[in-house]
Amino acid sequence: MPKGQTAGKKTNLDAGDGREAKPTLGFGVPATSDPHHFKVRIPPANSGKVQISEYLGLQASSDEFAVMDRVVLGRPRWTAIRGEVQRAFNARLKAHDLTTSAWKVGENPVDRLLGKELCVLAWAVEDMEMDKIPVAVRNWLALRPEERWWLFGMTAMAIPKSAKTAAEVFSHVGVSLAHIVGRATELVER
C-alpha cells in the first residue's frame, strides 16, 4: 500500500516531523463516525442541479433534523464558482497538512466550516446575473473565513423552512448576500 494511505482512506504525512495526520474524506471531513459535515451532490447530467446539504451527524437532535438541504444551484452557476472554491479550499487544507480534493460527479464531502463558507457564496450567486458572478467570487475570496462563518450563521437563522432560497428571505429585509458578496460590482464596472 502506498505511503500515506490506509484501507481506502487518504491520509497525509506531516511534512517535517513524520507524524501522520488524521485521515480525512473529500474536502477535509474527518474520517470518524458520523461527523458534522456538508455534502455537495453533483449529478452526472450537465443540465442537472447541484445540491448542497448539511449533515449534522451525531449532533442532530433527531433524524428529522439530521440533514438540512441548504441550497440548489443550476449547473452554470456551479461551474462559475467551482474552480475558485476548490483552489481556496485546497489551499486551506494544505495549510493544515490535510489531503486536498477535487469536485467529482456524485457526493463530495466537505468539512463543516468549509461547507458554511460554500453556502454563503452559493446563496449569493443563486439568483445573481451570470456576468456578475466572477466579481462575487472575488469578493467572497477577500472575506476572512470568520466573516463567511458569521454570514452563514445570520443567513441560516433567518431562513424559514417555507423559504425556497436565501434570496427569498432577504427580499423581506431589503438586503441580499448578492449585495454583500457582490458589493463591489458597481465599482468594478465603472
N, C-alpha and C. Protein backbone atom coordinates (compact mmCIF):
# COMPACT_ATOMS: atom_id res chain seq x y z
N MET A 1 0.85 -1.18 0.00
CA MET A 1 0.00 0.00 0.00
C MET A 1 0.90 1.24 0.00
N PRO A 2 0.59 2.26 -0.84
CA PRO A 2 1.44 3.45 -0.91
C PRO A 2 1.51 4.18 0.43
N LYS A 3 2.64 4.80 0.64
CA LYS A 3 2.84 5.57 1.87
C LYS A 3 1.78 6.67 1.95
N GLY A 4 1.18 6.85 3.12
CA GLY A 4 0.18 7.90 3.32
C GLY A 4 -1.25 7.45 3.04
N GLN A 5 -1.47 6.13 2.76
CA GLN A 5 -2.83 5.66 2.54
C GLN A 5 -3.10 4.45 3.40
N THR A 6 -4.35 4.37 3.88
CA THR A 6 -4.77 3.22 4.67
C THR A 6 -6.14 2.80 4.21
N ALA A 7 -6.32 1.57 3.89
CA ALA A 7 -7.62 0.95 3.60
C ALA A 7 -8.59 1.88 2.86
N GLY A 8 -8.13 2.55 1.80
CA GLY A 8 -9.02 3.38 1.00
C GLY A 8 -9.26 4.77 1.54
N LYS A 9 -8.74 5.08 2.70
CA LYS A 9 -8.91 6.41 3.26
C LYS A 9 -7.58 7.15 3.14
N LYS A 10 -7.63 8.34 2.58
CA LYS A 10 -6.42 9.11 2.38
C LYS A 10 -5.94 9.70 3.70
N THR A 11 -4.64 9.74 3.84
CA THR A 11 -4.03 10.42 4.98
C THR A 11 -2.85 11.23 4.46
N ASN A 12 -2.33 12.07 5.29
CA ASN A 12 -1.14 12.84 4.94
C ASN A 12 -0.06 12.54 5.95
N LEU A 13 1.14 12.73 5.53
CA LEU A 13 2.24 12.73 6.48
C LEU A 13 2.64 14.18 6.66
N ASP A 14 2.71 14.61 7.88
CA ASP A 14 3.13 15.98 8.15
C ASP A 14 4.51 16.15 7.55
N ALA A 15 4.71 17.24 6.83
CA ALA A 15 5.90 17.44 6.02
C ALA A 15 7.21 17.25 6.77
N GLY A 16 7.35 17.75 7.97
CA GLY A 16 8.66 17.73 8.58
C GLY A 16 8.86 16.78 9.73
N ASP A 17 7.84 16.46 10.47
CA ASP A 17 8.10 15.75 11.72
C ASP A 17 7.73 14.26 11.70
N GLY A 18 7.26 13.73 10.57
CA GLY A 18 6.97 12.32 10.48
C GLY A 18 5.66 11.88 11.12
N ARG A 19 4.93 12.82 11.74
CA ARG A 19 3.63 12.49 12.34
C ARG A 19 2.63 12.23 11.25
N GLU A 20 1.78 11.27 11.44
CA GLU A 20 0.73 11.03 10.47
C GLU A 20 -0.47 11.91 10.81
N ALA A 21 -0.94 12.64 9.80
CA ALA A 21 -2.11 13.49 10.00
C ALA A 21 -3.35 12.62 10.10
N LYS A 22 -4.41 13.20 10.64
CA LYS A 22 -5.67 12.47 10.77
C LYS A 22 -6.26 12.24 9.38
N PRO A 23 -6.80 11.04 9.15
CA PRO A 23 -7.39 10.77 7.84
C PRO A 23 -8.64 11.61 7.61
N THR A 24 -8.80 12.04 6.37
CA THR A 24 -9.97 12.84 6.01
C THR A 24 -10.59 12.28 4.74
N LEU A 25 -11.82 12.68 4.50
CA LEU A 25 -12.56 12.32 3.30
C LEU A 25 -12.90 13.61 2.56
N GLY A 26 -12.88 13.58 1.24
CA GLY A 26 -13.26 14.75 0.46
C GLY A 26 -12.47 15.98 0.85
N PHE A 27 -13.17 17.07 1.05
CA PHE A 27 -12.56 18.34 1.42
C PHE A 27 -12.50 18.47 2.94
N GLY A 28 -11.64 17.68 3.57
CA GLY A 28 -11.33 17.85 4.99
C GLY A 28 -12.29 17.27 6.01
N VAL A 29 -13.19 16.40 5.61
CA VAL A 29 -14.14 15.81 6.57
C VAL A 29 -13.40 14.73 7.37
N PRO A 30 -13.41 14.82 8.69
CA PRO A 30 -12.74 13.80 9.50
C PRO A 30 -13.32 12.41 9.21
N ALA A 31 -12.44 11.44 9.05
CA ALA A 31 -12.87 10.06 8.80
C ALA A 31 -13.20 9.40 10.13
N THR A 32 -14.22 9.93 10.78
CA THR A 32 -14.69 9.42 12.07
C THR A 32 -16.14 9.00 11.92
N SER A 33 -16.72 8.52 12.98
CA SER A 33 -18.10 8.07 12.96
C SER A 33 -19.07 9.25 12.93
N ASP A 34 -19.72 9.44 11.77
CA ASP A 34 -20.80 10.40 11.59
C ASP A 34 -20.46 11.82 12.03
N PRO A 35 -19.45 12.46 11.40
CA PRO A 35 -19.11 13.84 11.77
C PRO A 35 -20.10 14.85 11.17
N HIS A 36 -20.15 16.02 11.76
CA HIS A 36 -20.92 17.14 11.20
C HIS A 36 -20.17 17.59 9.95
N HIS A 37 -20.85 17.61 8.79
CA HIS A 37 -20.21 17.99 7.55
C HIS A 37 -21.26 18.38 6.51
N PHE A 38 -20.81 18.77 5.36
CA PHE A 38 -21.69 19.08 4.23
C PHE A 38 -21.41 18.08 3.12
N LYS A 39 -22.40 17.92 2.23
CA LYS A 39 -22.18 17.13 1.02
C LYS A 39 -22.64 17.96 -0.16
N VAL A 40 -21.82 17.96 -1.18
CA VAL A 40 -22.16 18.62 -2.44
C VAL A 40 -22.44 17.49 -3.43
N ARG A 41 -23.70 17.40 -3.87
CA ARG A 41 -24.10 16.35 -4.82
C ARG A 41 -24.08 16.93 -6.23
N ILE A 42 -23.18 16.40 -7.04
CA ILE A 42 -23.06 16.84 -8.42
C ILE A 42 -23.62 15.73 -9.30
N PRO A 43 -24.70 16.02 -10.04
CA PRO A 43 -25.32 14.98 -10.87
C PRO A 43 -24.49 14.70 -12.12
N PRO A 44 -24.65 13.50 -12.69
CA PRO A 44 -23.89 13.18 -13.90
C PRO A 44 -24.31 14.00 -15.11
N ALA A 45 -25.56 14.40 -15.17
CA ALA A 45 -26.04 15.17 -16.32
C ALA A 45 -25.57 16.62 -16.21
N ASN A 46 -25.06 17.16 -17.30
CA ASN A 46 -24.58 18.55 -17.29
C ASN A 46 -25.71 19.55 -17.04
N SER A 47 -26.94 19.14 -17.26
CA SER A 47 -28.07 20.04 -17.03
C SER A 47 -28.64 19.89 -15.62
N GLY A 48 -28.14 18.90 -14.86
CA GLY A 48 -28.65 18.67 -13.51
C GLY A 48 -28.22 19.74 -12.53
N LYS A 49 -28.99 19.89 -11.47
CA LYS A 49 -28.69 20.89 -10.45
C LYS A 49 -27.79 20.32 -9.37
N VAL A 50 -26.94 21.16 -8.83
CA VAL A 50 -26.01 20.77 -7.76
C VAL A 50 -26.66 21.11 -6.43
N GLN A 51 -26.69 20.14 -5.52
CA GLN A 51 -27.33 20.33 -4.22
C GLN A 51 -26.28 20.33 -3.11
N ILE A 52 -26.41 21.29 -2.21
CA ILE A 52 -25.53 21.37 -1.05
C ILE A 52 -26.38 21.14 0.19
N SER A 53 -26.02 20.09 0.95
CA SER A 53 -26.78 19.72 2.14
C SER A 53 -25.85 19.67 3.34
N GLU A 54 -26.40 19.97 4.51
CA GLU A 54 -25.65 19.91 5.76
C GLU A 54 -26.09 18.67 6.53
N TYR A 55 -25.12 17.88 6.95
CA TYR A 55 -25.36 16.68 7.74
C TYR A 55 -24.85 16.94 9.15
N LEU A 56 -25.75 16.96 10.10
CA LEU A 56 -25.37 17.29 11.47
C LEU A 56 -24.67 16.15 12.20
N GLY A 57 -24.77 14.95 11.67
CA GLY A 57 -24.09 13.81 12.27
C GLY A 57 -24.62 13.52 13.67
N LEU A 58 -23.70 13.20 14.57
CA LEU A 58 -24.09 12.85 15.94
C LEU A 58 -24.67 14.03 16.71
N GLN A 59 -24.48 15.25 16.19
CA GLN A 59 -25.02 16.44 16.86
C GLN A 59 -26.52 16.62 16.65
N ALA A 60 -27.09 15.89 15.71
CA ALA A 60 -28.51 16.04 15.39
C ALA A 60 -29.37 15.63 16.58
N SER A 61 -30.39 16.43 16.85
CA SER A 61 -31.29 16.13 17.97
C SER A 61 -32.27 15.01 17.62
N SER A 62 -32.53 14.84 16.31
CA SER A 62 -33.42 13.77 15.85
C SER A 62 -33.14 13.51 14.38
N ASP A 63 -33.66 12.40 13.87
CA ASP A 63 -33.46 12.08 12.46
C ASP A 63 -34.10 13.13 11.56
N GLU A 64 -35.18 13.75 12.04
CA GLU A 64 -35.88 14.77 11.26
C GLU A 64 -34.96 15.95 10.94
N PHE A 65 -34.04 16.27 11.84
CA PHE A 65 -33.16 17.42 11.65
C PHE A 65 -31.72 17.01 11.34
N ALA A 66 -31.50 15.75 11.01
CA ALA A 66 -30.13 15.27 10.77
C ALA A 66 -29.53 15.81 9.47
N VAL A 67 -30.38 16.06 8.46
CA VAL A 67 -29.91 16.57 7.18
C VAL A 67 -30.73 17.79 6.80
N MET A 68 -30.03 18.87 6.45
CA MET A 68 -30.71 20.09 6.02
C MET A 68 -30.23 20.45 4.62
N ASP A 69 -31.16 20.49 3.67
CA ASP A 69 -30.81 20.92 2.32
C ASP A 69 -30.64 22.43 2.37
N ARG A 70 -29.45 22.90 2.04
CA ARG A 70 -29.13 24.32 2.17
C ARG A 70 -29.34 25.13 0.91
N VAL A 71 -28.91 24.60 -0.24
CA VAL A 71 -29.04 25.37 -1.48
C VAL A 71 -28.94 24.43 -2.68
N VAL A 72 -29.65 24.79 -3.73
CA VAL A 72 -29.57 24.08 -5.00
C VAL A 72 -29.17 25.10 -6.05
N LEU A 73 -28.09 24.79 -6.77
CA LEU A 73 -27.58 25.69 -7.80
C LEU A 73 -27.71 25.05 -9.18
N GLY A 74 -28.10 25.87 -10.15
CA GLY A 74 -28.08 25.41 -11.53
C GLY A 74 -26.63 25.14 -11.94
N ARG A 75 -26.44 24.23 -12.87
CA ARG A 75 -25.09 23.82 -13.27
C ARG A 75 -24.24 24.99 -13.77
N PRO A 76 -24.78 25.95 -14.54
CA PRO A 76 -23.93 27.07 -14.98
C PRO A 76 -23.38 27.90 -13.81
N ARG A 77 -24.19 28.10 -12.77
CA ARG A 77 -23.73 28.86 -11.60
C ARG A 77 -22.67 28.06 -10.85
N TRP A 78 -22.90 26.75 -10.71
CA TRP A 78 -21.91 25.90 -10.04
C TRP A 78 -20.59 25.93 -10.80
N THR A 79 -20.67 25.81 -12.11
CA THR A 79 -19.46 25.82 -12.93
C THR A 79 -18.71 27.14 -12.78
N ALA A 80 -19.44 28.23 -12.61
CA ALA A 80 -18.82 29.55 -12.47
C ALA A 80 -18.05 29.71 -11.15
N ILE A 81 -18.41 28.95 -10.11
CA ILE A 81 -17.76 29.11 -8.81
C ILE A 81 -16.84 27.96 -8.43
N ARG A 82 -17.02 26.80 -9.00
CA ARG A 82 -16.36 25.59 -8.51
C ARG A 82 -14.84 25.64 -8.52
N GLY A 83 -14.24 26.18 -9.56
CA GLY A 83 -12.78 26.19 -9.66
C GLY A 83 -12.12 27.02 -8.56
N GLU A 84 -12.62 28.22 -8.36
CA GLU A 84 -12.04 29.10 -7.33
C GLU A 84 -12.30 28.56 -5.92
N VAL A 85 -13.48 27.98 -5.73
CA VAL A 85 -13.80 27.38 -4.42
C VAL A 85 -12.84 26.22 -4.15
N GLN A 86 -12.63 25.37 -5.14
CA GLN A 86 -11.72 24.23 -4.98
C GLN A 86 -10.31 24.71 -4.65
N ARG A 87 -9.82 25.73 -5.37
CA ARG A 87 -8.48 26.27 -5.09
C ARG A 87 -8.38 26.82 -3.67
N ALA A 88 -9.39 27.58 -3.26
CA ALA A 88 -9.37 28.18 -1.92
C ALA A 88 -9.41 27.10 -0.84
N PHE A 89 -10.29 26.11 -1.00
CA PHE A 89 -10.40 25.04 -0.01
C PHE A 89 -9.12 24.22 0.05
N ASN A 90 -8.54 23.88 -1.10
CA ASN A 90 -7.32 23.09 -1.11
C ASN A 90 -6.15 23.84 -0.49
N ALA A 91 -6.08 25.14 -0.68
CA ALA A 91 -5.01 25.93 -0.04
C ALA A 91 -5.16 25.87 1.48
N ARG A 92 -6.38 25.96 1.97
CA ARG A 92 -6.62 25.88 3.41
C ARG A 92 -6.30 24.48 3.95
N LEU A 93 -6.69 23.45 3.21
CA LEU A 93 -6.40 22.08 3.64
C LEU A 93 -4.89 21.84 3.69
N LYS A 94 -4.17 22.30 2.66
CA LYS A 94 -2.71 22.15 2.63
C LYS A 94 -2.06 22.86 3.81
N ALA A 95 -2.58 24.03 4.16
CA ALA A 95 -2.02 24.79 5.28
C ALA A 95 -2.13 24.02 6.59
N HIS A 96 -3.10 23.10 6.66
CA HIS A 96 -3.30 22.28 7.86
C HIS A 96 -2.80 20.85 7.65
N ASP A 97 -1.98 20.67 6.62
CA ASP A 97 -1.41 19.36 6.30
C ASP A 97 -2.48 18.28 6.12
N LEU A 98 -3.57 18.63 5.46
CA LEU A 98 -4.63 17.67 5.16
C LEU A 98 -4.65 17.40 3.66
N THR A 99 -5.19 16.27 3.30
CA THR A 99 -5.28 15.87 1.90
C THR A 99 -6.21 16.80 1.14
N THR A 100 -5.79 17.20 -0.05
CA THR A 100 -6.62 18.04 -0.89
C THR A 100 -7.59 17.16 -1.67
N SER A 101 -8.53 17.81 -2.36
CA SER A 101 -9.55 17.05 -3.08
C SER A 101 -9.91 17.77 -4.37
N ALA A 102 -10.80 17.18 -5.14
CA ALA A 102 -11.33 17.77 -6.36
C ALA A 102 -12.81 17.43 -6.45
N TRP A 103 -13.58 18.31 -7.07
CA TRP A 103 -15.01 18.05 -7.25
C TRP A 103 -15.16 16.91 -8.24
N LYS A 104 -16.08 16.01 -7.96
CA LYS A 104 -16.36 14.89 -8.85
C LYS A 104 -17.87 14.67 -8.92
N VAL A 105 -18.31 13.99 -9.94
CA VAL A 105 -19.73 13.63 -10.05
C VAL A 105 -20.06 12.72 -8.88
N GLY A 106 -21.20 12.96 -8.25
CA GLY A 106 -21.62 12.17 -7.09
C GLY A 106 -21.54 13.02 -5.83
N GLU A 107 -21.36 12.36 -4.70
CA GLU A 107 -21.32 13.05 -3.41
C GLU A 107 -19.90 13.47 -3.06
N ASN A 108 -19.74 14.73 -2.72
CA ASN A 108 -18.45 15.29 -2.33
C ASN A 108 -18.55 15.76 -0.88
N PRO A 109 -17.92 15.06 0.07
CA PRO A 109 -17.97 15.50 1.46
C PRO A 109 -17.12 16.77 1.65
N VAL A 110 -17.64 17.70 2.44
CA VAL A 110 -16.97 18.98 2.69
C VAL A 110 -17.00 19.24 4.20
N ASP A 111 -15.86 19.62 4.76
CA ASP A 111 -15.75 19.97 6.17
C ASP A 111 -16.84 20.96 6.56
N ARG A 112 -17.30 20.89 7.80
CA ARG A 112 -18.43 21.71 8.24
C ARG A 112 -18.16 23.21 8.11
N LEU A 113 -16.96 23.67 8.38
CA LEU A 113 -16.67 25.10 8.27
C LEU A 113 -16.53 25.52 6.81
N LEU A 114 -15.86 24.69 6.01
CA LEU A 114 -15.75 24.99 4.58
C LEU A 114 -17.13 24.96 3.93
N GLY A 115 -17.98 24.03 4.37
CA GLY A 115 -19.34 23.94 3.83
C GLY A 115 -20.15 25.20 4.11
N LYS A 116 -19.96 25.76 5.30
CA LYS A 116 -20.65 27.01 5.62
C LYS A 116 -20.20 28.12 4.69
N GLU A 117 -18.90 28.16 4.43
CA GLU A 117 -18.36 29.19 3.54
C GLU A 117 -18.89 29.01 2.12
N LEU A 118 -18.97 27.77 1.66
CA LEU A 118 -19.50 27.48 0.34
C LEU A 118 -20.96 27.91 0.23
N CYS A 119 -21.74 27.67 1.27
CA CYS A 119 -23.15 28.08 1.25
C CYS A 119 -23.30 29.59 1.09
N VAL A 120 -22.45 30.35 1.76
CA VAL A 120 -22.52 31.82 1.65
C VAL A 120 -22.37 32.23 0.18
N LEU A 121 -21.38 31.68 -0.49
CA LEU A 121 -21.18 32.02 -1.91
C LEU A 121 -22.33 31.51 -2.76
N ALA A 122 -22.77 30.28 -2.51
CA ALA A 122 -23.87 29.70 -3.31
C ALA A 122 -25.15 30.51 -3.13
N TRP A 123 -25.46 30.91 -1.90
CA TRP A 123 -26.65 31.74 -1.68
C TRP A 123 -26.52 33.06 -2.40
N ALA A 124 -25.33 33.61 -2.42
CA ALA A 124 -25.13 34.91 -3.07
C ALA A 124 -25.34 34.83 -4.58
N VAL A 125 -24.92 33.73 -5.20
CA VAL A 125 -24.99 33.65 -6.67
C VAL A 125 -26.23 32.95 -7.20
N GLU A 126 -27.06 32.38 -6.32
CA GLU A 126 -28.18 31.57 -6.83
C GLU A 126 -29.15 32.35 -7.70
N ASP A 127 -29.30 33.64 -7.50
CA ASP A 127 -30.19 34.45 -8.33
C ASP A 127 -29.46 35.62 -9.00
N MET A 128 -28.15 35.60 -8.96
CA MET A 128 -27.34 36.70 -9.50
C MET A 128 -27.22 36.57 -11.02
N GLU A 129 -27.07 37.72 -11.68
CA GLU A 129 -26.80 37.70 -13.11
C GLU A 129 -25.46 37.01 -13.33
N MET A 130 -25.39 36.16 -14.34
CA MET A 130 -24.20 35.34 -14.58
C MET A 130 -22.93 36.18 -14.76
N ASP A 131 -23.04 37.32 -15.41
CA ASP A 131 -21.84 38.12 -15.66
C ASP A 131 -21.29 38.79 -14.40
N LYS A 132 -22.06 38.78 -13.31
CA LYS A 132 -21.58 39.38 -12.06
C LYS A 132 -20.97 38.35 -11.10
N ILE A 133 -21.11 37.08 -11.42
CA ILE A 133 -20.62 36.02 -10.53
C ILE A 133 -19.10 36.09 -10.31
N PRO A 134 -18.28 36.36 -11.32
CA PRO A 134 -16.84 36.44 -11.05
C PRO A 134 -16.47 37.51 -10.01
N VAL A 135 -17.20 38.61 -10.00
CA VAL A 135 -16.95 39.66 -9.00
C VAL A 135 -17.36 39.16 -7.62
N ALA A 136 -18.48 38.45 -7.54
CA ALA A 136 -18.93 37.90 -6.26
C ALA A 136 -17.91 36.89 -5.73
N VAL A 137 -17.37 36.07 -6.61
CA VAL A 137 -16.37 35.09 -6.20
C VAL A 137 -15.13 35.80 -5.67
N ARG A 138 -14.68 36.83 -6.39
CA ARG A 138 -13.50 37.59 -5.94
C ARG A 138 -13.75 38.23 -4.58
N ASN A 139 -14.93 38.78 -4.38
CA ASN A 139 -15.25 39.40 -3.09
C ASN A 139 -15.37 38.35 -1.99
N TRP A 140 -15.92 37.20 -2.31
CA TRP A 140 -16.00 36.10 -1.34
C TRP A 140 -14.61 35.67 -0.93
N LEU A 141 -13.70 35.58 -1.89
CA LEU A 141 -12.32 35.20 -1.59
C LEU A 141 -11.65 36.24 -0.67
N ALA A 142 -12.06 37.49 -0.78
CA ALA A 142 -11.47 38.56 0.03
C ALA A 142 -11.97 38.53 1.48
N LEU A 143 -13.10 37.86 1.72
CA LEU A 143 -13.61 37.76 3.09
C LEU A 143 -12.76 36.79 3.89
N ARG A 144 -12.57 37.08 5.16
CA ARG A 144 -11.89 36.13 6.05
C ARG A 144 -12.86 34.99 6.36
N PRO A 145 -12.33 33.79 6.67
CA PRO A 145 -13.23 32.67 7.00
C PRO A 145 -14.22 33.03 8.09
N GLU A 146 -13.79 33.76 9.11
CA GLU A 146 -14.68 34.12 10.21
C GLU A 146 -15.84 34.98 9.72
N GLU A 147 -15.60 35.83 8.74
CA GLU A 147 -16.67 36.66 8.18
C GLU A 147 -17.67 35.79 7.41
N ARG A 148 -17.16 34.81 6.70
CA ARG A 148 -18.04 33.89 5.98
C ARG A 148 -18.88 33.07 6.95
N TRP A 149 -18.26 32.62 8.05
CA TRP A 149 -19.00 31.83 9.05
C TRP A 149 -20.11 32.68 9.66
N TRP A 150 -19.81 33.94 9.95
CA TRP A 150 -20.81 34.84 10.52
C TRP A 150 -21.97 35.02 9.54
N LEU A 151 -21.65 35.26 8.26
CA LEU A 151 -22.70 35.41 7.26
C LEU A 151 -23.56 34.15 7.15
N PHE A 152 -22.94 32.99 7.23
CA PHE A 152 -23.69 31.74 7.20
C PHE A 152 -24.65 31.67 8.38
N GLY A 153 -24.13 31.97 9.57
CA GLY A 153 -24.96 31.90 10.77
C GLY A 153 -26.16 32.82 10.71
N MET A 154 -25.92 34.05 10.26
CA MET A 154 -27.02 35.01 10.17
C MET A 154 -28.04 34.58 9.12
N THR A 155 -27.57 34.06 8.01
CA THR A 155 -28.47 33.64 6.94
C THR A 155 -29.24 32.38 7.32
N ALA A 156 -28.53 31.38 7.85
CA ALA A 156 -29.17 30.12 8.21
C ALA A 156 -30.24 30.32 9.27
N MET A 157 -30.02 31.23 10.20
CA MET A 157 -31.03 31.50 11.23
C MET A 157 -32.25 32.18 10.64
N ALA A 158 -32.06 32.96 9.58
CA ALA A 158 -33.15 33.75 9.02
C ALA A 158 -34.01 32.97 8.03
N ILE A 159 -33.52 31.84 7.55
CA ILE A 159 -34.25 31.11 6.52
C ILE A 159 -35.32 30.23 7.15
N PRO A 160 -36.59 30.59 6.98
CA PRO A 160 -37.66 29.70 7.48
C PRO A 160 -37.76 28.47 6.58
N LYS A 161 -38.35 27.40 7.11
CA LYS A 161 -38.46 26.17 6.33
C LYS A 161 -39.28 26.37 5.07
N SER A 162 -40.17 27.36 5.06
CA SER A 162 -41.01 27.59 3.89
C SER A 162 -40.27 28.31 2.76
N ALA A 163 -39.14 28.96 3.08
CA ALA A 163 -38.40 29.70 2.06
C ALA A 163 -37.69 28.73 1.13
N LYS A 164 -37.74 29.02 -0.15
CA LYS A 164 -37.07 28.17 -1.13
C LYS A 164 -35.62 28.59 -1.34
N THR A 165 -35.32 29.87 -1.18
CA THR A 165 -33.96 30.35 -1.38
C THR A 165 -33.62 31.40 -0.32
N ALA A 166 -32.34 31.62 -0.13
CA ALA A 166 -31.89 32.67 0.78
C ALA A 166 -32.33 34.03 0.25
N ALA A 167 -32.38 34.17 -1.07
CA ALA A 167 -32.80 35.43 -1.67
C ALA A 167 -34.23 35.78 -1.24
N GLU A 168 -35.08 34.77 -1.12
CA GLU A 168 -36.47 34.98 -0.69
C GLU A 168 -36.51 35.55 0.73
N VAL A 169 -35.62 35.08 1.59
CA VAL A 169 -35.57 35.58 2.96
C VAL A 169 -35.14 37.04 2.98
N PHE A 170 -34.06 37.34 2.27
CA PHE A 170 -33.51 38.69 2.33
C PHE A 170 -34.33 39.70 1.56
N SER A 171 -35.22 39.23 0.67
CA SER A 171 -36.07 40.18 -0.04
C SER A 171 -37.00 40.89 0.92
N HIS A 172 -37.27 40.27 2.07
CA HIS A 172 -38.14 40.88 3.06
C HIS A 172 -37.45 41.96 3.88
N VAL A 173 -36.13 41.87 3.99
CA VAL A 173 -35.42 42.85 4.80
C VAL A 173 -34.62 43.83 3.96
N GLY A 174 -34.70 43.72 2.63
CA GLY A 174 -34.07 44.71 1.76
C GLY A 174 -32.56 44.56 1.61
N VAL A 175 -32.01 43.42 1.92
CA VAL A 175 -30.58 43.19 1.75
C VAL A 175 -30.41 41.81 1.15
N SER A 176 -29.32 41.57 0.49
CA SER A 176 -29.08 40.23 -0.05
C SER A 176 -27.61 39.89 0.08
N LEU A 177 -27.35 38.59 0.12
CA LEU A 177 -25.95 38.17 0.13
C LEU A 177 -25.29 38.58 -1.18
N ALA A 178 -26.07 38.66 -2.24
CA ALA A 178 -25.50 39.12 -3.51
C ALA A 178 -24.96 40.54 -3.35
N HIS A 179 -25.66 41.37 -2.58
CA HIS A 179 -25.16 42.72 -2.34
C HIS A 179 -23.96 42.71 -1.42
N ILE A 180 -23.95 41.81 -0.46
CA ILE A 180 -22.83 41.74 0.48
C ILE A 180 -21.60 41.19 -0.22
N VAL A 181 -21.73 40.02 -0.85
CA VAL A 181 -20.60 39.39 -1.51
C VAL A 181 -20.27 40.10 -2.82
N GLY A 182 -21.28 40.56 -3.53
CA GLY A 182 -21.05 41.23 -4.80
C GLY A 182 -21.05 42.73 -4.68
N ARG A 183 -20.75 43.24 -3.48
CA ARG A 183 -20.89 44.67 -3.18
C ARG A 183 -20.05 45.58 -4.06
N ALA A 184 -18.97 45.11 -4.63
CA ALA A 184 -18.11 45.98 -5.43
C ALA A 184 -18.41 45.90 -6.92
N THR A 185 -19.48 45.22 -7.28
CA THR A 185 -19.79 45.04 -8.70
C THR A 185 -19.88 46.38 -9.42
N GLU A 186 -20.59 47.31 -8.85
CA GLU A 186 -20.77 48.60 -9.49
C GLU A 186 -19.44 49.34 -9.60
N LEU A 187 -18.60 49.24 -8.58
CA LEU A 187 -17.30 49.93 -8.60
C LEU A 187 -16.40 49.35 -9.67
N VAL A 188 -16.44 48.03 -9.83
CA VAL A 188 -15.59 47.36 -10.82
C VAL A 188 -16.02 47.72 -12.22
N GLU A 189 -17.33 47.88 -12.44
CA GLU A 189 -17.84 48.16 -13.77
C GLU A 189 -17.59 49.59 -14.20
N ARG A 190 -17.28 50.48 -13.28
CA ARG A 190 -17.06 51.90 -13.64
C ARG A 190 -15.76 52.10 -14.32
